């Protein structure tokens, strides 16, 4: 990793990842029909649980976020 900055990544923050960090981790439902407006189905999969320690653990890279810092993961917790 010479010449890179790997700080603030999930693998070096000392956070233990588990299914409990997320609202759901199921692989079912991904093939559901799209919503009426064409968007993907609204699924809880890989969205952070309210008690997740991944909330506010990211770094501001100029994208919108809620809270004191961006969340780690695919989705910002609401």
N, C-alpha and C. Protein backbone atom coordinates (compact mmCIF):
# COMPACT_ATOMS: atom_id res chain seq x y z
N UNK A 1 0.83 -1.19 0.00
CA UNK A 1 0.00 0.00 0.00
C UNK A 1 0.87 1.25 0.00
N UNK A 2 2.03 1.14 -0.54
CA UNK A 2 2.94 2.27 -0.61
C UNK A 2 2.31 3.42 -1.41
N UNK A 3 2.35 4.62 -0.85
CA UNK A 3 1.83 5.79 -1.53
C UNK A 3 0.33 5.99 -1.41
N UNK A 4 -0.32 5.19 -0.59
CA UNK A 4 -1.77 5.33 -0.42
C UNK A 4 -2.10 5.73 1.01
N UNK A 5 -3.30 6.19 1.20
CA UNK A 5 -3.80 6.54 2.52
C UNK A 5 -5.01 5.66 2.79
N UNK A 6 -4.86 4.67 3.63
CA UNK A 6 -5.94 3.73 3.93
C UNK A 6 -6.64 4.05 5.24
N UNK A 7 -6.43 5.26 5.78
CA UNK A 7 -7.08 5.61 7.03
C UNK A 7 -8.59 5.73 6.83
N UNK A 8 -9.32 5.54 7.91
CA UNK A 8 -10.78 5.69 7.93
C UNK A 8 -11.49 4.67 7.06
N UNK A 9 -10.98 3.48 6.94
CA UNK A 9 -11.66 2.40 6.25
C UNK A 9 -12.16 1.39 7.28
N UNK A 10 -13.20 0.66 6.93
CA UNK A 10 -13.81 -0.26 7.88
C UNK A 10 -12.83 -1.30 8.41
N UNK A 11 -11.82 -1.66 7.63
CA UNK A 11 -10.90 -2.70 8.06
C UNK A 11 -9.81 -2.21 9.01
N UNK A 12 -9.70 -0.92 9.23
CA UNK A 12 -8.67 -0.46 10.17
C UNK A 12 -9.20 0.52 11.22
N UNK A 13 -10.49 0.50 11.46
CA UNK A 13 -11.07 1.38 12.48
C UNK A 13 -11.27 0.69 13.82
N UNK A 14 -10.96 -0.59 13.90
CA UNK A 14 -11.17 -1.30 15.16
C UNK A 14 -12.63 -1.59 15.43
N UNK A 15 -13.46 -1.62 14.40
CA UNK A 15 -14.89 -1.90 14.53
C UNK A 15 -15.12 -3.35 14.10
N UNK A 16 -15.84 -4.09 14.91
CA UNK A 16 -16.17 -5.46 14.56
C UNK A 16 -17.45 -5.47 13.74
N UNK A 17 -17.36 -5.97 12.52
CA UNK A 17 -18.54 -6.05 11.67
C UNK A 17 -19.33 -7.31 11.99
N UNK A 18 -20.64 -7.16 11.98
CA UNK A 18 -21.53 -8.31 12.18
C UNK A 18 -22.85 -8.00 11.49
N UNK A 19 -23.67 -9.01 11.34
CA UNK A 19 -24.99 -8.81 10.73
C UNK A 19 -25.80 -7.78 11.50
N UNK A 20 -25.57 -7.66 12.80
CA UNK A 20 -26.33 -6.73 13.64
C UNK A 20 -26.07 -5.26 13.27
N UNK A 21 -24.98 -4.98 12.56
CA UNK A 21 -24.69 -3.61 12.14
C UNK A 21 -25.68 -3.12 11.07
N UNK A 22 -26.39 -4.06 10.45
CA UNK A 22 -27.26 -3.75 9.32
C UNK A 22 -28.71 -4.12 9.59
N UNK A 23 -29.63 -3.44 8.91
CA UNK A 23 -31.04 -3.76 9.01
C UNK A 23 -31.32 -5.15 8.44
N UNK A 24 -30.57 -5.55 7.45
CA UNK A 24 -30.73 -6.86 6.84
C UNK A 24 -29.54 -7.20 5.98
N UNK A 25 -29.24 -8.48 5.89
CA UNK A 25 -28.14 -8.94 5.06
C UNK A 25 -28.58 -10.09 4.15
N UNK A 26 -29.86 -10.26 4.03
CA UNK A 26 -30.41 -11.34 3.21
C UNK A 26 -30.09 -11.14 1.74
N UNK A 27 -29.99 -12.23 1.03
CA UNK A 27 -29.80 -12.15 -0.42
C UNK A 27 -31.12 -12.30 -1.15
N UNK A 28 -32.22 -12.44 -0.43
CA UNK A 28 -33.52 -12.56 -1.08
C UNK A 28 -34.11 -11.18 -1.36
N UNK A 29 -34.90 -11.10 -2.40
CA UNK A 29 -35.58 -9.85 -2.74
C UNK A 29 -34.88 -9.00 -3.76
N UNK A 30 -33.60 -9.29 -4.05
CA UNK A 30 -32.85 -8.47 -5.01
C UNK A 30 -33.45 -8.55 -6.41
N UNK A 31 -34.17 -9.63 -6.68
CA UNK A 31 -34.78 -9.79 -8.01
C UNK A 31 -36.23 -9.32 -8.05
N UNK A 32 -36.66 -8.57 -7.04
CA UNK A 32 -38.03 -8.05 -6.99
C UNK A 32 -38.25 -7.04 -8.11
N UNK A 33 -39.49 -6.85 -8.47
CA UNK A 33 -39.84 -5.89 -9.52
C UNK A 33 -39.47 -4.47 -9.10
N UNK A 34 -39.16 -3.66 -10.06
CA UNK A 34 -38.86 -2.24 -9.80
C UNK A 34 -40.12 -1.52 -9.33
N UNK A 35 -39.94 -0.40 -8.70
CA UNK A 35 -41.06 0.42 -8.25
C UNK A 35 -41.71 1.10 -9.46
N UNK A 36 -42.88 1.67 -9.26
CA UNK A 36 -43.65 2.28 -10.34
C UNK A 36 -42.85 3.34 -11.10
N UNK A 37 -41.95 4.05 -10.40
CA UNK A 37 -41.16 5.10 -11.05
C UNK A 37 -39.89 4.55 -11.70
N UNK A 38 -39.70 3.24 -11.65
CA UNK A 38 -38.54 2.61 -12.27
C UNK A 38 -37.36 2.41 -11.34
N UNK A 39 -37.44 2.95 -10.14
CA UNK A 39 -36.32 2.80 -9.21
C UNK A 39 -36.30 1.38 -8.64
N UNK A 40 -35.17 1.02 -8.08
CA UNK A 40 -34.99 -0.31 -7.51
C UNK A 40 -35.94 -0.51 -6.32
N UNK A 41 -36.26 -1.76 -6.02
CA UNK A 41 -37.13 -2.01 -4.87
C UNK A 41 -36.51 -1.49 -3.58
N UNK A 42 -37.34 -1.00 -2.69
CA UNK A 42 -36.86 -0.49 -1.40
C UNK A 42 -36.64 -1.67 -0.47
N UNK A 43 -35.39 -2.03 -0.25
CA UNK A 43 -35.04 -3.16 0.60
C UNK A 43 -34.17 -2.68 1.76
N UNK A 44 -34.26 -3.35 2.90
CA UNK A 44 -33.43 -2.96 4.04
C UNK A 44 -32.01 -3.51 3.97
N UNK A 45 -31.74 -4.34 2.98
CA UNK A 45 -30.45 -5.02 2.88
C UNK A 45 -29.28 -4.04 2.82
N UNK A 46 -28.31 -4.28 3.67
CA UNK A 46 -27.06 -3.51 3.76
C UNK A 46 -27.24 -2.05 4.18
N UNK A 47 -28.43 -1.71 4.65
CA UNK A 47 -28.64 -0.37 5.23
C UNK A 47 -28.30 -0.47 6.72
N UNK A 48 -27.66 0.55 7.25
CA UNK A 48 -27.19 0.49 8.63
C UNK A 48 -28.35 0.47 9.62
N UNK A 49 -28.19 -0.33 10.66
CA UNK A 49 -29.14 -0.36 11.77
C UNK A 49 -28.96 0.93 12.58
N UNK A 50 -30.01 1.33 13.27
CA UNK A 50 -29.95 2.57 14.07
C UNK A 50 -28.83 2.54 15.10
N UNK A 51 -28.49 1.35 15.59
CA UNK A 51 -27.46 1.21 16.61
C UNK A 51 -26.07 0.91 16.03
N UNK A 52 -25.92 0.95 14.72
CA UNK A 52 -24.66 0.58 14.08
C UNK A 52 -23.52 1.52 14.48
N UNK A 53 -22.37 0.95 14.74
CA UNK A 53 -21.18 1.75 15.05
C UNK A 53 -20.52 2.29 13.78
N UNK A 54 -21.09 1.99 12.62
CA UNK A 54 -20.57 2.51 11.35
C UNK A 54 -21.13 3.89 11.02
N UNK A 55 -22.14 4.33 11.79
CA UNK A 55 -22.75 5.64 11.58
C UNK A 55 -21.77 6.73 12.01
N UNK A 56 -21.59 7.73 11.16
CA UNK A 56 -20.70 8.88 11.42
C UNK A 56 -19.22 8.49 11.54
N UNK A 57 -18.81 7.40 10.88
CA UNK A 57 -17.41 6.96 10.95
C UNK A 57 -16.65 7.23 9.65
N UNK A 58 -17.29 7.84 8.66
CA UNK A 58 -16.63 8.10 7.39
C UNK A 58 -15.94 9.46 7.38
N UNK A 59 -15.46 9.82 6.21
CA UNK A 59 -14.75 11.09 6.01
C UNK A 59 -15.48 11.91 4.97
N UNK A 60 -15.62 13.18 5.20
CA UNK A 60 -16.29 14.08 4.26
C UNK A 60 -15.49 14.19 2.97
N UNK A 61 -16.07 13.71 1.89
CA UNK A 61 -15.44 13.81 0.57
C UNK A 61 -16.25 14.71 -0.36
N UNK A 62 -17.12 15.53 0.24
CA UNK A 62 -17.89 16.49 -0.53
C UNK A 62 -19.27 16.03 -0.95
N UNK A 63 -19.67 14.83 -0.56
CA UNK A 63 -21.01 14.33 -0.86
C UNK A 63 -21.93 14.63 0.32
N UNK A 64 -23.23 14.77 0.08
CA UNK A 64 -24.14 15.08 1.19
C UNK A 64 -24.21 13.92 2.20
N UNK A 65 -24.37 14.25 3.45
CA UNK A 65 -24.52 13.25 4.50
C UNK A 65 -25.31 13.84 5.66
N UNK A 66 -25.78 12.98 6.54
CA UNK A 66 -26.50 13.38 7.74
C UNK A 66 -25.59 13.17 8.94
N UNK A 67 -25.79 13.92 9.99
CA UNK A 67 -25.00 13.72 11.20
C UNK A 67 -23.68 14.47 11.16
N UNK A 68 -22.75 14.05 12.03
CA UNK A 68 -21.49 14.75 12.18
C UNK A 68 -20.44 14.35 11.15
N UNK A 69 -20.64 13.21 10.50
CA UNK A 69 -19.72 12.73 9.47
C UNK A 69 -20.48 11.72 8.60
N UNK A 70 -19.98 11.42 7.42
CA UNK A 70 -20.64 10.41 6.59
C UNK A 70 -20.61 9.04 7.29
N UNK A 71 -21.55 8.20 6.91
CA UNK A 71 -21.59 6.83 7.43
C UNK A 71 -20.72 5.94 6.55
N UNK A 72 -20.22 4.87 7.11
CA UNK A 72 -19.51 3.86 6.31
C UNK A 72 -20.54 2.90 5.75
N UNK A 73 -20.41 2.55 4.50
CA UNK A 73 -21.34 1.62 3.89
C UNK A 73 -21.94 2.21 2.63
N UNK A 74 -22.82 1.44 2.06
CA UNK A 74 -23.41 1.82 0.77
C UNK A 74 -24.46 2.93 0.90
N UNK A 75 -25.05 3.06 2.06
CA UNK A 75 -26.17 4.00 2.25
C UNK A 75 -25.96 4.84 3.49
N UNK A 76 -26.35 6.08 3.43
CA UNK A 76 -26.35 6.96 4.59
C UNK A 76 -27.58 6.62 5.44
N UNK A 77 -27.38 6.41 6.74
CA UNK A 77 -28.50 6.09 7.62
C UNK A 77 -29.42 7.31 7.73
N UNK A 78 -30.70 7.04 7.86
CA UNK A 78 -31.65 8.16 7.99
C UNK A 78 -32.18 8.25 9.40
